[in-house]
Amino acid sequence: MRTIPDDAINLLARFSIAGVFWRSGQTKVDGWHQKDTRVDLYENEYRLPLIDPTLAAHLAAIAEHLFPVLPVIGLASRLSALALLGITLVIEISVYPDAWPTHGTWAACAMIIIARGPGVVSLDHLVARRFGLTRA
């Protein structure tokens, strides 16, 4: 019996979670500028504790563009997946607690990357091979 290669699962997890967060990030910007409506969402709907809504909106836009790109190219994949998992947990706990089935899927993708690494189709793997490390 043949199984699905881990590298294929890892690649799918990387692209899946990246797509979700990249699209979300794109809704927060207009070119290189933050949309004013996004700050309003953080003030009125999301209401995150302990952080200024303007700062939260800007940090979210940056994070949702930076952290999805890294797993796609397979660079700092585990760290990026950990950041995306953290964002997912904040969204689940503080913003949309009833959306746990969706957030659970995102968390599963992130945890696959964190636990297994990005696989052989990644810059992390090339770096690990270059420096003689056994796992990427």
C-alpha atoms as a PDB file:
ATOM      1  CA  MET A   1       0.000   0.000   0.000  1.00  0.00           C
ATOM      2  CA  ARG A   2       1.344   3.436  -0.945  1.00  0.00           C
ATOM      3  CA  THR A   3       0.973   6.396   1.327  1.00  0.00           C
ATOM      4  CA  ILE A   4       0.956  10.091   0.592  1.00  0.00           C
ATOM      5  CA  PRO A   5       4.515  11.416   0.932  1.00  0.00           C
ATOM      6  CA  ASP A   6       5.058  13.743   3.906  1.00  0.00           C
ATOM      7  CA  ASP A   7       6.666  16.288   1.600  1.00  0.00           C
ATOM      8  CA  ALA A   8       3.435  16.548  -0.408  1.00  0.00           C
ATOM      9  CA  ILE A   9       1.384  17.006   2.775  1.00  0.00           C
ATOM     10  CA  ASN A  10       3.820  19.638   4.051  1.00  0.00           C
ATOM     11  CA  LEU A  11       3.719  21.523   0.750  1.00  0.00           C
ATOM     12  CA  LEU A  12      -0.085  21.494   0.708  1.00  0.00           C
ATOM     13  CA  ALA A  13      -0.205  22.708   4.327  1.00  0.00           C
ATOM     14  CA  ARG A  14       2.230  25.537   3.524  1.00  0.00           C
ATOM     15  CA  PHE A  15       0.292  26.758   0.496  1.00  0.00           C
ATOM     16  CA  SER A  16      -3.113  26.328   2.147  1.00  0.00           C
ATOM     17  CA  ILE A  17      -2.447  28.384   5.240  1.00  0.00           C
ATOM     18  CA  ALA A  18      -0.502  30.958   3.228  1.00  0.00           C
ATOM     19  CA  GLY A  19      -3.439  31.456   0.874  1.00  0.00           C
ATOM     20  CA  VAL A  20      -5.875  32.110   3.697  1.00  0.00           C
ATOM     21  CA  PHE A  21      -3.737  34.724   5.404  1.00  0.00           C
ATOM     22  CA  TRP A  22      -2.501  36.382   2.187  1.00  0.00           C
ATOM     23  CA  ARG A  23      -6.088  36.925   1.025  1.00  0.00           C
ATOM     24  CA  SER A  24      -7.032  38.317   4.400  1.00  0.00           C
ATOM     25  CA  GLY A  25      -4.062  40.677   4.288  1.00  0.00           C
ATOM     26  CA  GLN A  26      -5.066  41.883   0.839  1.00  0.00           C
ATOM     27  CA  THR A  27      -8.443  43.018   2.214  1.00  0.00           C
ATOM     28  CA  LYS A  28      -6.622  45.316   4.650  1.00  0.00           C
ATOM     29  CA  VAL A  29      -4.637  47.341   2.139  1.00  0.00           C
ATOM     30  CA  ASP A  30      -5.090  49.422  -0.963  1.00  0.00           C
ATOM     31  CA  GLY A  31      -1.734  49.241  -2.697  1.00  0.00           C
ATOM     32  CA  TRP A  32       0.826  50.176  -0.032  1.00  0.00           C
ATOM     33  CA  HIS A  33      -1.700  51.959   2.189  1.00  0.00           C
ATOM     34  CA  GLN A  34      -3.845  50.691   5.047  1.00  0.00           C
ATOM     35  CA  LYS A  35      -7.583  50.959   4.349  1.00  0.00           C
ATOM     36  CA  ASP A  36      -9.339  53.254   6.829  1.00  0.00           C
ATOM     37  CA  THR A  37     -12.173  50.755   7.166  1.00  0.00           C
ATOM     38  CA  ARG A  38      -9.763  48.201   8.640  1.00  0.00           C
ATOM     39  CA  VAL A  39      -8.983  50.416  11.613  1.00  0.00           C
ATOM     40  CA  ASP A  40     -12.736  50.824  12.139  1.00  0.00           C
ATOM     41  CA  LEU A  41     -13.084  47.039  12.291  1.00  0.00           C
ATOM     42  CA  TYR A  42     -10.435  46.823  14.998  1.00  0.00           C
ATOM     43  CA  GLU A  43     -12.145  49.619  16.941  1.00  0.00           C
ATOM     44  CA  ASN A  44     -15.733  48.397  16.671  1.00  0.00           C
ATOM     45  CA  GLU A  45     -15.897  44.703  15.788  1.00  0.00           C
ATOM     46  CA  TYR A  46     -12.675  42.945  16.768  1.00  0.00           C
ATOM     47  CA  ARG A  47     -12.024  44.881  20.007  1.00  0.00           C
ATOM     48  CA  LEU A  48      -8.775  43.161  20.888  1.00  0.00           C
ATOM     49  CA  PRO A  49      -7.740  43.685  24.496  1.00  0.00           C
ATOM     50  CA  LEU A  50      -4.425  45.308  25.411  1.00  0.00           C
ATOM     51  CA  ILE A  51      -3.619  46.810  21.995  1.00  0.00           C
ATOM     52  CA  ASP A  52      -4.497  50.050  20.249  1.00  0.00           C
ATOM     53  CA  PRO A  53      -6.853  49.409  17.281  1.00  0.00           C
ATOM     54  CA  THR A  54      -4.711  51.430  14.849  1.00  0.00           C
ATOM     55  CA  LEU A  55      -1.581  49.553  15.835  1.00  0.00           C
ATOM     56  CA  ALA A  56      -3.416  46.223  15.693  1.00  0.00           C
ATOM     57  CA  ALA A  57      -4.707  46.959  12.181  1.00  0.00           C
ATOM     58  CA  HIS A  58      -1.241  47.844  10.923  1.00  0.00           C
ATOM     59  CA  LEU A  59       0.450  44.881  12.592  1.00  0.00           C
ATOM     60  CA  ALA A  60      -2.185  42.511  11.226  1.00  0.00           C
ATOM     61  CA  ALA A  61      -1.726  43.832   7.693  1.00  0.00           C
ATOM     62  CA  ILE A  62       2.046  43.385   7.929  1.00  0.00           C
ATOM     63  CA  ALA A  63       1.817  39.938   9.522  1.00  0.00           C
ATOM     64  CA  GLU A  64      -0.751  38.709   7.001  1.00  0.00           C
ATOM     65  CA  HIS A  65       1.596  39.629   4.166  1.00  0.00           C
ATOM     66  CA  LEU A  66       4.952  38.595   5.648  1.00  0.00           C
ATOM     67  CA  PHE A  67       4.159  35.294   7.368  1.00  0.00           C
ATOM     68  CA  PRO A  68       2.322  33.687   4.402  1.00  0.00           C
ATOM     69  CA  VAL A  69       5.151  34.436   1.960  1.00  0.00           C
ATOM     70  CA  LEU A  70       7.801  32.710   4.047  1.00  0.00           C
ATOM     71  CA  PRO A  71       6.160  29.256   4.139  1.00  0.00           C
ATOM     72  CA  VAL A  72       5.412  29.435   0.408  1.00  0.00           C
ATOM     73  CA  ILE A  73       9.105  29.796  -0.372  1.00  0.00           C
ATOM     74  CA  GLY A  74       9.961  27.521   2.529  1.00  0.00           C
ATOM     75  CA  LEU A  75      12.073  29.991   4.489  1.00  0.00           C
ATOM     76  CA  ALA A  76      11.772  30.183   8.291  1.00  0.00           C
ATOM     77  CA  SER A  77       8.763  27.942   7.782  1.00  0.00           C
ATOM     78  CA  ARG A  78       8.366  26.684  11.327  1.00  0.00           C
ATOM     79  CA  LEU A  79       8.684  30.168  12.807  1.00  0.00           C
ATOM     80  CA  SER A  80       6.207  31.579  10.287  1.00  0.00           C
ATOM     81  CA  ALA A  81       3.768  28.748  10.926  1.00  0.00           C
ATOM     82  CA  LEU A  82       4.069  29.418  14.654  1.00  0.00           C
ATOM     83  CA  ALA A  83       3.217  33.085  14.035  1.00  0.00           C
ATOM     84  CA  LEU A  84       0.214  32.110  11.889  1.00  0.00           C
ATOM     85  CA  LEU A  85      -0.907  29.676  14.576  1.00  0.00           C
ATOM     86  CA  GLY A  86      -0.681  32.498  17.131  1.00  0.00           C
ATOM     87  CA  ILE A  87      -2.763  34.788  14.916  1.00  0.00           C
ATOM     88  CA  THR A  88      -5.290  31.980  14.472  1.00  0.00           C
ATOM     89  CA  LEU A  89      -5.563  31.523  18.236  1.00  0.00           C
ATOM     90  CA  VAL A  90      -6.096  35.263  18.792  1.00  0.00           C
ATOM     91  CA  ILE A  91      -8.807  35.307  16.128  1.00  0.00           C
ATOM     92  CA  GLU A  92     -10.487  32.247  17.625  1.00  0.00           C
ATOM     93  CA  ILE A  93     -10.327  33.376  21.243  1.00  0.00           C
ATOM     94  CA  SER A  94     -10.901  37.120  20.915  1.00  0.00           C
ATOM     95  CA  VAL A  95     -12.730  37.752  17.657  1.00  0.00           C
ATOM     96  CA  TYR A  96     -14.739  34.843  16.256  1.00  0.00           C
ATOM     97  CA  PRO A  97     -15.023  32.072  18.864  1.00  0.00           C
ATOM     98  CA  ASP A  98     -17.809  30.309  16.960  1.00  0.00           C
ATOM     99  CA  ALA A  99     -15.604  29.786  13.900  1.00  0.00           C
ATOM    100  CA  TRP A 100     -13.580  26.988  15.496  1.00  0.00           C
ATOM    101  CA  PRO A 101     -14.108  24.493  12.615  1.00  0.00           C
ATOM    102  CA  THR A 102     -12.405  26.878  10.188  1.00  0.00           C
ATOM    103  CA  HIS A 103      -9.750  27.922  12.661  1.00  0.00           C
ATOM    104  CA  GLY A 104      -9.105  24.292  13.533  1.00  0.00           C
ATOM    105  CA  THR A 105      -8.245  23.621   9.893  1.00  0.00           C
ATOM    106  CA  TRP A 106      -5.843  26.569   9.852  1.00  0.00           C
ATOM    107  CA  ALA A 107      -4.291  25.393  13.117  1.00  0.00           C
ATOM    108  CA  ALA A 108      -3.848  21.866  11.739  1.00  0.00           C
ATOM    109  CA  CYS A 109      -1.967  23.201   8.700  1.00  0.00           C
ATOM    110  CA  ALA A 110       0.275  25.330  10.906  1.00  0.00           C
ATOM    111  CA  MET A 111       0.937  22.454  13.299  1.00  0.00           C
ATOM    112  CA  ILE A 112       1.912  20.126  10.427  1.00  0.00           C
ATOM    113  CA  ILE A 113       4.554  22.651   9.371  1.00  0.00           C
ATOM    114  CA  ILE A 114       5.732  23.227  12.941  1.00  0.00           C
ATOM    115  CA  ALA A 115       5.967  19.493  13.690  1.00  0.00           C
ATOM    116  CA  ARG A 116       7.330  18.191  10.385  1.00  0.00           C
ATOM    117  CA  GLY A 117       9.046  21.185   8.848  1.00  0.00           C
ATOM    118  CA  PRO A 118       8.471  22.397   5.321  1.00  0.00           C
ATOM    119  CA  GLY A 119       9.722  19.311   3.470  1.00  0.00           C
ATOM    120  CA  VAL A 120      12.291  18.956   0.729  1.00  0.00           C
ATOM    121  CA  VAL A 121      10.750  21.551  -1.593  1.00  0.00           C
ATOM    122  CA  SER A 122      11.899  24.504   0.502  1.00  0.00           C
ATOM    123  CA  LEU A 123      14.730  26.907   1.115  1.00  0.00           C
ATOM    124  CA  ASP A 124      14.881  25.610   4.693  1.00  0.00           C
ATOM    125  CA  HIS A 125      15.775  22.175   3.328  1.00  0.00           C
ATOM    126  CA  LEU A 126      18.505  23.634   1.093  1.00  0.00           C
ATOM    127  CA  VAL A 127      19.964  25.583   4.026  1.00  0.00           C
ATOM    128  CA  ALA A 128      19.879  22.492   6.231  1.00  0.00           C
ATOM    129  CA  ARG A 129      21.672  20.438   3.569  1.00  0.00           C
ATOM    130  CA  ARG A 130      24.245  23.170   3.032  1.00  0.00           C
ATOM    131  CA  PHE A 131      25.126  23.262   6.730  1.00  0.00           C
ATOM    132  CA  GLY A 132      24.887  19.516   7.264  1.00  0.00           C
ATOM    133  CA  LEU A 133      21.788  19.609   9.462  1.00  0.00           C
ATOM    134  CA  THR A 134      19.586  16.509   9.418  1.00  0.00           C
ATOM    135  CA  ARG A 135      16.172  18.213   9.540  1.00  0.00           C
ATOM    136  CA  ALA A 136      14.840  21.372   7.896  1.00  0.00           C
END
